[in-house]
Amino acid sequence: MKPTTLTHLRQFKQQQKKFATLTAYDFSFAKLFADEGIGVMLVGDSLGMTMLGHDSTLPVTVEDIVWCTRAVRRGAPASLLLADLPFMAYATPTQACESAAAVMRAGANMVKLEGGRWLADTIDMLTKRAVPVCGHLGLTPQSVNIFGGYKIQGRGDNAAQTLLDDALALEAAGAQLMVLECVPAELATRVSEALSIPTIGIGAGNGTDGQILVMHDALGITGGHVPKFAKNFLAEAGDIRSAVRQYIAEVESGIYPGKEHSFH
């Protein structure tokens, strides 16, 4: 299997070819996902909730991300591997470089940062030091205490314009991918059309260039509240490998996410 690169994702955007991604946290699932055609994976700080049982992503450390990144890289050596920089691991540009160095040495191809235009200097510093950056706008889980919960972002003209301006600022600073989480589908489409870099949606409708799901949501093993945008592909497919293939097919065809999985 040939490696998936950022060049491929940019080509997908130009060709209007949608792509599917999943979170992964260990060797076995990473290998299975890669075998079934997932070329882009994220070691997300969502591991704090899905793997460690916390009620938020805030307790996750750089060491947690490093441990999982090493395992996922062994399972998926050809996949484009993104890794989250966790809460307060990039409070300053210098700290961001130190944190990014740790996860890149563990096998990541790119780091993901949550936040708006205040990250411009950090992204500029990272990219100039050979660290590709994925931005993350909308519902940014590390800001749960600021938001007062997990709430839809970007509703209303002012909020929508702020999110669009942030996206453009991050792209100008050097970001090469953008995750849009829990924003109205119409806004996500508008942002995707405004950016030259690929966008990846989660709870953002099907107008983005790619989609990502937490693997536990895609396989129906999420405990407690199930997000509106989640779909249990395992229930329909019957086994995990078939579920992954179905997820890829529905993303590429535009079937998923449907209106029932989107916010407006």
Protein backbone atom coordinates (compact mmCIF):
# COMPACT_ATOMS: atom_id res chain seq x y z
CA MET A 1 0.00 0.00 0.00
CA LYS A 2 1.45 3.36 -1.06
CA PRO A 3 1.61 6.06 1.62
CA THR A 4 -1.19 8.62 1.76
CA THR A 5 0.17 12.17 1.79
CA LEU A 6 -1.10 15.72 2.03
CA THR A 7 -0.55 15.98 -1.72
CA HIS A 8 -3.16 13.25 -2.20
CA LEU A 9 -5.68 15.13 -0.05
CA ARG A 10 -5.13 18.34 -1.98
CA GLN A 11 -5.69 16.41 -5.21
CA PHE A 12 -8.89 14.91 -3.77
CA LYS A 13 -10.16 18.43 -3.06
CA GLN A 14 -9.36 19.59 -6.58
CA GLN A 15 -11.08 16.50 -8.00
CA GLN A 16 -14.04 16.90 -5.59
CA LYS A 17 -13.37 13.38 -4.35
CA LYS A 18 -14.47 12.91 -0.74
CA PHE A 19 -12.35 10.88 1.68
CA ALA A 20 -13.05 9.06 4.94
CA THR A 21 -10.95 9.14 8.10
CA LEU A 22 -11.22 7.57 11.55
CA THR A 23 -9.63 7.96 14.94
CA ALA A 24 -7.37 5.13 16.06
CA TYR A 25 -5.58 4.49 19.32
CA ASP A 26 -3.88 1.09 19.08
CA PHE A 27 -2.07 -1.30 16.74
CA SER A 28 -4.88 -3.76 16.05
CA PHE A 29 -7.58 -1.30 15.01
CA ALA A 30 -5.10 0.83 13.08
CA LYS A 31 -4.04 -2.22 11.06
CA LEU A 32 -7.64 -3.25 10.43
CA PHE A 33 -8.60 0.27 9.31
CA ALA A 34 -5.58 0.48 7.01
CA ASP A 35 -6.28 -2.95 5.53
CA GLU A 36 -9.83 -1.88 4.67
CA GLY A 37 -8.79 1.37 3.00
CA ILE A 38 -8.63 4.13 5.63
CA GLY A 39 -5.67 6.19 4.44
CA VAL A 40 -5.92 8.98 7.03
CA MET A 41 -6.15 8.43 10.79
CA LEU A 42 -6.14 10.65 13.87
CA VAL A 43 -4.74 9.83 17.27
CA GLY A 44 -7.26 12.07 18.99
CA ASP A 45 -7.27 13.36 22.52
CA SER A 46 -10.74 11.80 22.48
CA LEU A 47 -8.81 8.84 23.91
CA GLY A 48 -9.28 10.54 27.26
CA MET A 49 -12.98 9.71 27.08
CA THR A 50 -13.08 6.62 24.85
CA MET A 51 -10.05 4.76 26.22
CA LEU A 52 -9.43 6.19 29.69
CA GLY A 53 -12.97 6.92 30.88
CA HIS A 54 -12.63 10.62 31.67
CA ASP A 55 -15.56 12.98 31.19
CA SER A 56 -13.57 15.30 28.90
CA THR A 57 -10.35 15.43 26.89
CA LEU A 58 -8.62 17.74 29.37
CA PRO A 59 -6.71 15.08 31.39
CA VAL A 60 -4.89 13.77 28.30
CA THR A 61 -1.13 14.37 28.23
CA VAL A 62 1.46 14.52 25.49
CA GLU A 63 2.78 11.21 26.81
CA ASP A 64 -0.66 9.61 26.27
CA ILE A 65 -0.69 10.81 22.66
CA VAL A 66 2.89 9.63 22.10
CA TRP A 67 2.13 6.14 23.44
CA CYS A 68 -0.88 5.72 21.16
CA THR A 69 0.84 7.29 18.15
CA ARG A 70 3.62 4.73 18.31
CA ALA A 71 1.11 1.88 18.39
CA VAL A 72 -1.02 3.27 15.55
CA ARG A 73 2.03 3.92 13.37
CA ARG A 74 3.09 0.28 13.73
CA GLY A 75 -0.37 -0.83 12.64
CA ALA A 76 -0.73 1.62 9.76
CA PRO A 77 2.73 2.42 8.38
CA ALA A 78 1.39 3.89 5.12
CA SER A 79 -1.46 6.01 6.50
CA LEU A 80 -1.31 9.78 6.87
CA LEU A 81 -1.28 10.02 10.66
CA LEU A 82 -2.50 13.10 12.51
CA ALA A 83 -2.02 13.50 16.25
CA ASP A 84 -3.70 15.93 18.62
CA LEU A 85 -1.65 18.22 20.79
CA PRO A 86 -3.61 17.98 24.06
CA PHE A 87 -4.87 20.64 26.44
CA MET A 88 -2.23 23.24 27.39
CA ALA A 89 0.47 21.48 25.34
CA TYR A 90 0.70 24.47 22.96
CA ALA A 91 0.06 27.47 25.18
CA THR A 92 3.08 29.19 23.59
CA PRO A 93 4.76 28.69 20.22
CA THR A 94 7.86 27.31 21.92
CA GLN A 95 5.86 24.80 23.95
CA ALA A 96 3.98 23.80 20.80
CA CYS A 97 7.27 23.02 19.06
CA GLU A 98 8.41 20.85 21.97
CA SER A 99 5.11 18.98 22.10
CA ALA A 100 5.01 18.57 18.33
CA ALA A 101 8.55 17.19 18.29
CA ALA A 102 7.52 14.47 20.73
CA VAL A 103 4.52 13.27 18.72
CA MET A 104 6.31 13.57 15.37
CA ARG A 105 9.17 11.44 16.68
CA ALA A 106 6.53 8.90 17.73
CA GLY A 107 5.36 8.59 14.13
CA ALA A 108 2.84 11.35 13.43
CA ASN A 109 2.90 13.11 10.07
CA MET A 110 0.97 16.14 11.28
CA VAL A 111 -0.27 17.75 14.49
CA LYS A 112 -3.77 19.09 15.13
CA LEU A 113 -4.44 22.22 17.19
CA GLU A 114 -7.75 23.55 18.47
CA GLY A 115 -8.36 27.27 18.26
CA GLY A 116 -8.78 30.33 16.09
CA ARG A 117 -6.57 33.09 14.78
CA TRP A 118 -4.69 33.40 18.07
CA LEU A 119 -2.82 30.29 16.88
CA ALA A 120 -1.43 32.01 13.77
CA ASP A 121 2.03 32.64 15.21
CA THR A 122 2.22 29.10 16.55
CA ILE A 123 1.22 27.58 13.22
CA ASP A 124 3.73 29.79 11.41
CA MET A 125 6.52 28.67 13.73
CA LEU A 126 5.62 24.99 13.43
CA THR A 127 5.36 24.97 9.65
CA LYS A 128 8.66 26.80 9.27
CA ARG A 129 10.20 24.01 11.36
CA ALA A 130 8.80 21.23 9.15
CA VAL A 131 5.76 20.36 11.27
CA PRO A 132 2.55 20.23 9.19
CA VAL A 133 -0.49 21.56 11.05
CA CYS A 134 -4.19 20.72 10.94
CA GLY A 135 -6.46 23.38 12.40
CA HIS A 136 -9.65 22.60 14.32
CA LEU A 137 -12.56 25.04 14.49
CA GLY A 138 -16.16 24.97 15.67
CA LEU A 139 -16.77 22.82 18.72
CA THR A 140 -13.28 22.48 20.15
CA PRO A 141 -13.58 19.99 23.05
CA GLN A 142 -10.61 21.43 24.95
CA SER A 143 -12.70 24.60 25.38
CA VAL A 144 -15.65 22.78 26.95
CA ASN A 145 -15.44 24.87 30.12
CA ILE A 146 -15.51 28.10 28.12
CA PHE A 147 -18.44 26.95 25.99
CA GLY A 148 -20.34 25.66 29.02
CA GLY A 149 -20.77 22.23 27.44
CA TYR A 150 -20.61 20.57 24.06
CA LYS A 151 -22.63 23.04 21.98
CA ILE A 152 -23.06 23.77 18.28
CA GLN A 153 -20.80 26.63 17.16
CA GLY A 154 -21.11 29.17 14.35
CA ARG A 155 -24.85 29.83 14.52
CA GLY A 156 -25.79 33.41 13.73
CA ASP A 157 -24.18 35.80 11.27
CA ASN A 158 -21.50 37.15 13.61
CA ALA A 159 -20.41 33.72 14.86
CA ALA A 160 -20.35 32.36 11.33
CA GLN A 161 -18.22 35.23 10.06
CA THR A 162 -15.81 34.85 12.98
CA LEU A 163 -15.35 31.16 12.22
CA LEU A 164 -14.77 31.86 8.52
CA ASP A 165 -12.26 34.61 9.34
CA ASP A 166 -10.46 32.26 11.74
CA ALA A 167 -10.26 29.56 9.08
CA LEU A 168 -8.77 31.96 6.55
CA ALA A 169 -6.27 33.25 9.12
CA LEU A 170 -5.10 29.74 10.00
CA GLU A 171 -4.70 28.84 6.34
CA ALA A 172 -2.69 32.02 5.76
CA ALA A 173 -0.47 31.09 8.70
CA GLY A 174 0.35 27.75 7.10
CA ALA A 175 -2.30 25.23 8.20
CA GLN A 176 -2.64 22.49 5.58
CA LEU A 177 -5.86 20.82 6.80
CA MET A 178 -8.91 22.04 8.73
CA VAL A 179 -11.29 20.06 10.93
CA LEU A 180 -14.75 21.60 11.33
CA GLU A 181 -16.70 20.13 14.24
CA CYS A 182 -20.38 20.62 15.09
CA VAL A 183 -21.11 23.64 12.93
CA PRO A 184 -24.12 24.21 10.67
CA ALA A 185 -23.76 22.32 7.40
CA GLU A 186 -24.27 25.49 5.39
CA LEU A 187 -21.40 27.23 7.18
CA ALA A 188 -19.08 24.24 6.80
CA THR A 189 -19.76 24.22 3.06
CA ARG A 190 -19.06 27.94 2.88
CA VAL A 191 -15.75 27.54 4.73
CA SER A 192 -14.74 24.58 2.59
CA GLU A 193 -15.35 26.57 -0.58
CA ALA A 194 -13.40 29.54 0.77
CA LEU A 195 -10.30 27.54 1.70
CA SER A 196 -7.80 26.09 -0.73
CA ILE A 197 -6.78 23.45 1.84
CA PRO A 198 -8.92 20.34 2.44
CA THR A 199 -11.53 20.37 5.19
CA ILE A 200 -12.62 17.41 7.31
CA GLY A 201 -16.04 17.50 8.92
CA ILE A 202 -17.50 15.89 12.01
CA GLY A 203 -21.06 16.95 12.63
CA ALA A 204 -20.64 19.53 9.87
CA GLY A 205 -22.74 18.13 7.02
CA ASN A 206 -21.46 16.57 3.82
CA GLY A 207 -20.14 19.72 2.17
CA THR A 208 -16.64 19.27 3.56
CA ASP A 209 -13.89 17.53 1.59
CA GLY A 210 -13.57 14.65 4.05
CA GLN A 211 -15.27 13.17 7.09
CA ILE A 212 -13.96 11.86 10.39
CA LEU A 213 -15.64 9.86 13.13
CA VAL A 214 -14.43 8.63 16.46
CA MET A 215 -14.06 4.90 15.86
CA HIS A 216 -16.30 4.08 18.82
CA ASP A 217 -19.13 6.15 17.29
CA ALA A 218 -18.73 4.47 13.91
CA LEU A 219 -18.88 1.02 15.50
CA GLY A 220 -21.73 1.73 17.91
CA ILE A 221 -19.75 1.15 21.10
CA THR A 222 -20.02 4.68 22.49
CA GLY A 223 -21.26 4.68 26.07
CA GLY A 224 -23.84 7.18 27.28
CA HIS A 225 -24.87 10.03 25.01
CA VAL A 226 -24.53 9.26 21.29
CA PRO A 227 -23.86 12.37 19.16
CA LYS A 228 -26.45 13.30 16.54
CA PHE A 229 -23.85 13.05 13.79
CA ALA A 230 -22.81 9.49 14.71
CA LYS A 231 -23.91 6.45 12.73
CA ASN A 232 -23.53 2.85 13.81
CA PHE A 233 -22.12 1.25 10.67
CA LEU A 234 -21.46 -2.01 12.48
CA ALA A 235 -25.19 -2.55 13.13
CA GLU A 236 -25.91 -2.52 9.40
CA ALA A 237 -22.76 -4.24 8.14
CA GLY A 238 -22.58 -7.08 10.67
CA ASP A 239 -18.81 -7.16 11.16
CA ILE A 240 -16.12 -4.55 11.73
CA ARG A 241 -14.33 -4.88 8.41
CA SER A 242 -17.56 -4.58 6.45
CA ALA A 243 -18.57 -1.61 8.62
CA VAL A 244 -15.37 0.25 7.75
CA ARG A 245 -15.86 -0.44 4.05
CA GLN A 246 -19.46 0.77 4.27
CA TYR A 247 -18.37 3.95 6.05
CA ILE A 248 -15.83 4.68 3.32
CA ALA A 249 -18.36 4.01 0.56
CA GLU A 250 -21.03 6.23 2.12
CA VAL A 251 -18.60 9.11 2.66
CA GLU A 252 -17.19 8.90 -0.85
CA SER A 253 -20.68 8.79 -2.37
CA GLY A 254 -22.01 11.62 -0.19
CA ILE A 255 -24.66 9.44 1.48
CA TYR A 256 -23.09 10.00 4.88
CA PRO A 257 -23.56 12.29 6.64
CA GLY A 258 -27.22 12.73 5.74
CA LYS A 259 -29.54 15.50 6.89
CA GLU A 260 -30.38 13.51 10.02
CA HIS A 261 -26.69 13.67 11.03
CA SER A 262 -26.28 17.40 10.38
CA PHE A 263 -26.97 20.71 12.08
CA HIS A 264 -28.55 23.70 10.32
